[in-house]
Amino acid sequence: MRGFGLSVLAIATLLAGSAAAGPLENLERERAGLLAILLDPALDPDTRQARVEPALRRLVDLERLVLRDTRSASDSDALARRAFANYDLTFLVHASVEQGLNPLDLWLDRLGLSSGQLMTARVGRR
């Protein structure tokens, strides 16, 4: 019975294949992680800052990688077209440095929100 289980596991592993994420997908995932940290109400300011610093460094590296990758820039799929059309949202850290804003403030601004609006908003159901 043990041999059968190992055989099934081996076959499942071989058939599963590997899912390879490209640089744009990795950039999207890291940016979402950074925004989740920045918007997490359960974090105190010191913990948030400790988590944001390494996330920003990773995001800067990924943004540079995508900007220098000629395959990403010339890619014709929808993700690549949308990413380069929305430069400020895709390359959040670079755009925030260029405009002298906090990444969260830039992101909120591009979505038509402000920090003040979020602070005065009430949590509730619609």
C-alpha atoms as a PDB file:
ATOM      1  CA  MET A   1       0.000   0.000   0.000  1.00  0.00           C
ATOM      2  CA  ARG A   2       2.877   2.368   0.789  1.00  0.00           C
ATOM      3  CA  GLY A   3       4.429   1.728  -2.621  1.00  0.00           C
ATOM      4  CA  PHE A   4       1.137   2.550  -4.331  1.00  0.00           C
ATOM      5  CA  GLY A   5       0.923   5.887  -2.501  1.00  0.00           C
ATOM      6  CA  LEU A   6       4.467   6.779  -3.504  1.00  0.00           C
ATOM      7  CA  SER A   7       3.726   5.831  -7.109  1.00  0.00           C
ATOM      8  CA  VAL A   8       0.644   8.049  -7.188  1.00  0.00           C
ATOM      9  CA  LEU A   9       2.629  10.912  -5.654  1.00  0.00           C
ATOM     10  CA  ALA A  10       5.427  10.503  -8.207  1.00  0.00           C
ATOM     11  CA  ILE A  11       3.002  10.444 -11.144  1.00  0.00           C
ATOM     12  CA  ALA A  12       1.116  13.476  -9.829  1.00  0.00           C
ATOM     13  CA  THR A  13       4.367  15.381  -9.441  1.00  0.00           C
ATOM     14  CA  LEU A  14       5.461  14.567 -12.983  1.00  0.00           C
ATOM     15  CA  LEU A  15       2.105  15.494 -14.503  1.00  0.00           C
ATOM     16  CA  ALA A  16       1.690  18.713 -12.549  1.00  0.00           C
ATOM     17  CA  GLY A  17       4.364  20.591 -14.456  1.00  0.00           C
ATOM     18  CA  SER A  18       5.769  23.842 -13.231  1.00  0.00           C
ATOM     19  CA  ALA A  19       4.146  27.227 -13.218  1.00  0.00           C
ATOM     20  CA  ALA A  20       6.717  29.833 -14.164  1.00  0.00           C
ATOM     21  CA  ALA A  21       5.907  33.412 -13.307  1.00  0.00           C
ATOM     22  CA  GLY A  22       7.494  36.103 -15.408  1.00  0.00           C
ATOM     23  CA  PRO A  23       9.004  39.341 -14.146  1.00  0.00           C
ATOM     24  CA  LEU A  24       5.743  41.273 -14.515  1.00  0.00           C
ATOM     25  CA  GLU A  25       3.821  38.708 -12.491  1.00  0.00           C
ATOM     26  CA  ASN A  26       6.480  38.806  -9.770  1.00  0.00           C
ATOM     27  CA  LEU A  27       6.353  42.608  -9.781  1.00  0.00           C
ATOM     28  CA  GLU A  28       2.563  42.554  -9.415  1.00  0.00           C
ATOM     29  CA  ARG A  29       2.769  40.100  -6.525  1.00  0.00           C
ATOM     30  CA  GLU A  30       5.416  42.137  -4.673  1.00  0.00           C
ATOM     31  CA  ARG A  31       3.518  45.389  -5.210  1.00  0.00           C
ATOM     32  CA  ALA A  32       0.339  43.822  -3.855  1.00  0.00           C
ATOM     33  CA  GLY A  33       2.301  42.605  -0.827  1.00  0.00           C
ATOM     34  CA  LEU A  34       3.696  46.096  -0.192  1.00  0.00           C
ATOM     35  CA  LEU A  35       0.251  47.673  -0.420  1.00  0.00           C
ATOM     36  CA  ALA A  36      -1.154  45.027   1.927  1.00  0.00           C
ATOM     37  CA  ILE A  37       1.515  45.908   4.489  1.00  0.00           C
ATOM     38  CA  LEU A  38       0.905  49.643   4.090  1.00  0.00           C
ATOM     39  CA  LEU A  39      -2.863  49.271   4.480  1.00  0.00           C
ATOM     40  CA  ASP A  40      -2.878  46.694   7.309  1.00  0.00           C
ATOM     41  CA  PRO A  41      -4.647  48.344  10.276  1.00  0.00           C
ATOM     42  CA  ALA A  42      -3.353  45.699  12.693  1.00  0.00           C
ATOM     43  CA  LEU A  43       0.282  46.803  12.339  1.00  0.00           C
ATOM     44  CA  ASP A  44       1.784  49.413  14.627  1.00  0.00           C
ATOM     45  CA  PRO A  45       4.020  52.035  12.944  1.00  0.00           C
ATOM     46  CA  ASP A  46       7.322  50.405  13.991  1.00  0.00           C
ATOM     47  CA  THR A  47       6.308  46.961  12.732  1.00  0.00           C
ATOM     48  CA  ARG A  48       4.935  48.452   9.519  1.00  0.00           C
ATOM     49  CA  GLN A  49       8.199  50.317   8.886  1.00  0.00           C
ATOM     50  CA  ALA A  50      10.250  47.186   9.586  1.00  0.00           C
ATOM     51  CA  ARG A  51       8.210  45.258   7.002  1.00  0.00           C
ATOM     52  CA  VAL A  52       8.029  48.042   4.424  1.00  0.00           C
ATOM     53  CA  GLU A  53      11.789  48.614   4.095  1.00  0.00           C
ATOM     54  CA  PRO A  54      12.699  45.147   2.748  1.00  0.00           C
ATOM     55  CA  ALA A  55       9.537  45.097   0.618  1.00  0.00           C
ATOM     56  CA  LEU A  56      10.533  48.408  -0.993  1.00  0.00           C
ATOM     57  CA  ARG A  57      14.032  47.107  -1.752  1.00  0.00           C
ATOM     58  CA  ARG A  58      12.601  43.980  -3.395  1.00  0.00           C
ATOM     59  CA  LEU A  59      10.129  46.059  -5.368  1.00  0.00           C
ATOM     60  CA  VAL A  60      12.834  48.454  -6.606  1.00  0.00           C
ATOM     61  CA  ASP A  61      14.886  45.486  -7.804  1.00  0.00           C
ATOM     62  CA  LEU A  62      11.905  43.958  -9.599  1.00  0.00           C
ATOM     63  CA  GLU A  63      10.955  47.286 -11.181  1.00  0.00           C
ATOM     64  CA  ARG A  64      14.500  47.673 -12.513  1.00  0.00           C
ATOM     65  CA  LEU A  65      14.425  44.122 -13.817  1.00  0.00           C
ATOM     66  CA  VAL A  66      11.159  44.699 -15.694  1.00  0.00           C
ATOM     67  CA  LEU A  67      12.256  48.084 -17.049  1.00  0.00           C
ATOM     68  CA  ARG A  68      15.500  46.602 -18.397  1.00  0.00           C
ATOM     69  CA  ASP A  69      13.895  43.433 -19.750  1.00  0.00           C
ATOM     70  CA  THR A  70      13.389  43.946 -23.474  1.00  0.00           C
ATOM     71  CA  ARG A  71      11.035  40.972 -23.655  1.00  0.00           C
ATOM     72  CA  SER A  72       8.611  42.586 -21.190  1.00  0.00           C
ATOM     73  CA  ALA A  73       8.570  45.902 -23.052  1.00  0.00           C
ATOM     74  CA  SER A  74       7.983  44.261 -26.422  1.00  0.00           C
ATOM     75  CA  ASP A  75       5.501  41.681 -25.122  1.00  0.00           C
ATOM     76  CA  SER A  76       2.068  42.044 -26.683  1.00  0.00           C
ATOM     77  CA  ASP A  77      -0.013  40.290 -24.039  1.00  0.00           C
ATOM     78  CA  ALA A  78      -2.628  42.233 -22.095  1.00  0.00           C
ATOM     79  CA  LEU A  79      -0.671  42.284 -18.824  1.00  0.00           C
ATOM     80  CA  ALA A  80       2.383  43.876 -20.441  1.00  0.00           C
ATOM     81  CA  ARG A  81       0.336  46.462 -22.357  1.00  0.00           C
ATOM     82  CA  ARG A  82      -1.598  47.434 -19.241  1.00  0.00           C
ATOM     83  CA  ALA A  83       1.546  47.527 -17.097  1.00  0.00           C
ATOM     84  CA  PHE A  84       3.371  49.961 -19.354  1.00  0.00           C
ATOM     85  CA  ALA A  85       0.232  52.045 -19.989  1.00  0.00           C
ATOM     86  CA  ASN A  86      -0.135  52.604 -16.216  1.00  0.00           C
ATOM     87  CA  TYR A  87       3.484  53.458 -15.440  1.00  0.00           C
ATOM     88  CA  ASP A  88       2.768  55.183 -12.101  1.00  0.00           C
ATOM     89  CA  LEU A  89       0.844  52.225 -10.734  1.00  0.00           C
ATOM     90  CA  THR A  90       3.067  49.502 -12.163  1.00  0.00           C
ATOM     91  CA  PHE A  91       6.409  51.056 -11.248  1.00  0.00           C
ATOM     92  CA  LEU A  92       5.122  52.477  -7.980  1.00  0.00           C
ATOM     93  CA  VAL A  93       8.443  52.997  -6.191  1.00  0.00           C
ATOM     94  CA  HIS A  94      10.183  54.629  -9.160  1.00  0.00           C
ATOM     95  CA  ALA A  95       7.196  56.891  -9.846  1.00  0.00           C
ATOM     96  CA  SER A  96       6.885  57.878  -6.182  1.00  0.00           C
ATOM     97  CA  VAL A  97      10.565  58.885  -6.054  1.00  0.00           C
ATOM     98  CA  GLU A  98      10.216  60.842  -9.312  1.00  0.00           C
ATOM     99  CA  GLN A  99       7.217  62.741  -7.930  1.00  0.00           C
ATOM    100  CA  GLY A 100       8.493  63.087  -4.360  1.00  0.00           C
ATOM    101  CA  LEU A 101       5.578  61.219  -2.825  1.00  0.00           C
ATOM    102  CA  ASN A 102       5.126  58.297  -0.491  1.00  0.00           C
ATOM    103  CA  PRO A 103       4.274  55.139  -2.535  1.00  0.00           C
ATOM    104  CA  LEU A 104       0.937  54.786  -0.731  1.00  0.00           C
ATOM    105  CA  ASP A 105       0.008  58.434  -1.357  1.00  0.00           C
ATOM    106  CA  LEU A 106       0.863  58.092  -5.049  1.00  0.00           C
ATOM    107  CA  TRP A 107      -1.162  54.886  -5.338  1.00  0.00           C
ATOM    108  CA  LEU A 108      -4.163  56.457  -3.595  1.00  0.00           C
ATOM    109  CA  ASP A 109      -3.870  59.594  -5.746  1.00  0.00           C
ATOM    110  CA  ARG A 110      -3.932  57.554  -8.959  1.00  0.00           C
ATOM    111  CA  LEU A 111      -7.055  55.795  -7.690  1.00  0.00           C
ATOM    112  CA  GLY A 112      -8.709  59.138  -6.924  1.00  0.00           C
ATOM    113  CA  LEU A 113      -8.421  58.856  -3.150  1.00  0.00           C
ATOM    114  CA  SER A 114      -6.422  60.602  -0.442  1.00  0.00           C
ATOM    115  CA  SER A 115      -5.092  59.685   2.975  1.00  0.00           C
ATOM    116  CA  GLY A 116      -7.523  62.168   4.506  1.00  0.00           C
ATOM    117  CA  GLN A 117     -10.494  60.494   2.841  1.00  0.00           C
ATOM    118  CA  LEU A 118      -9.404  57.121   4.174  1.00  0.00           C
ATOM    119  CA  MET A 119      -8.949  58.499   7.688  1.00  0.00           C
ATOM    120  CA  THR A 120     -12.471  59.963   7.724  1.00  0.00           C
ATOM    121  CA  ALA A 121     -14.133  56.945   6.109  1.00  0.00           C
ATOM    122  CA  ARG A 122     -16.353  54.728   8.218  1.00  0.00           C
ATOM    123  CA  VAL A 123     -16.256  50.975   8.099  1.00  0.00           C
ATOM    124  CA  GLY A 124     -19.645  49.506   7.373  1.00  0.00           C
ATOM    125  CA  ARG A 125     -21.762  47.390   5.110  1.00  0.00           C
ATOM    126  CA  ARG A 126     -23.582  48.701   2.102  1.00  0.00           C
END
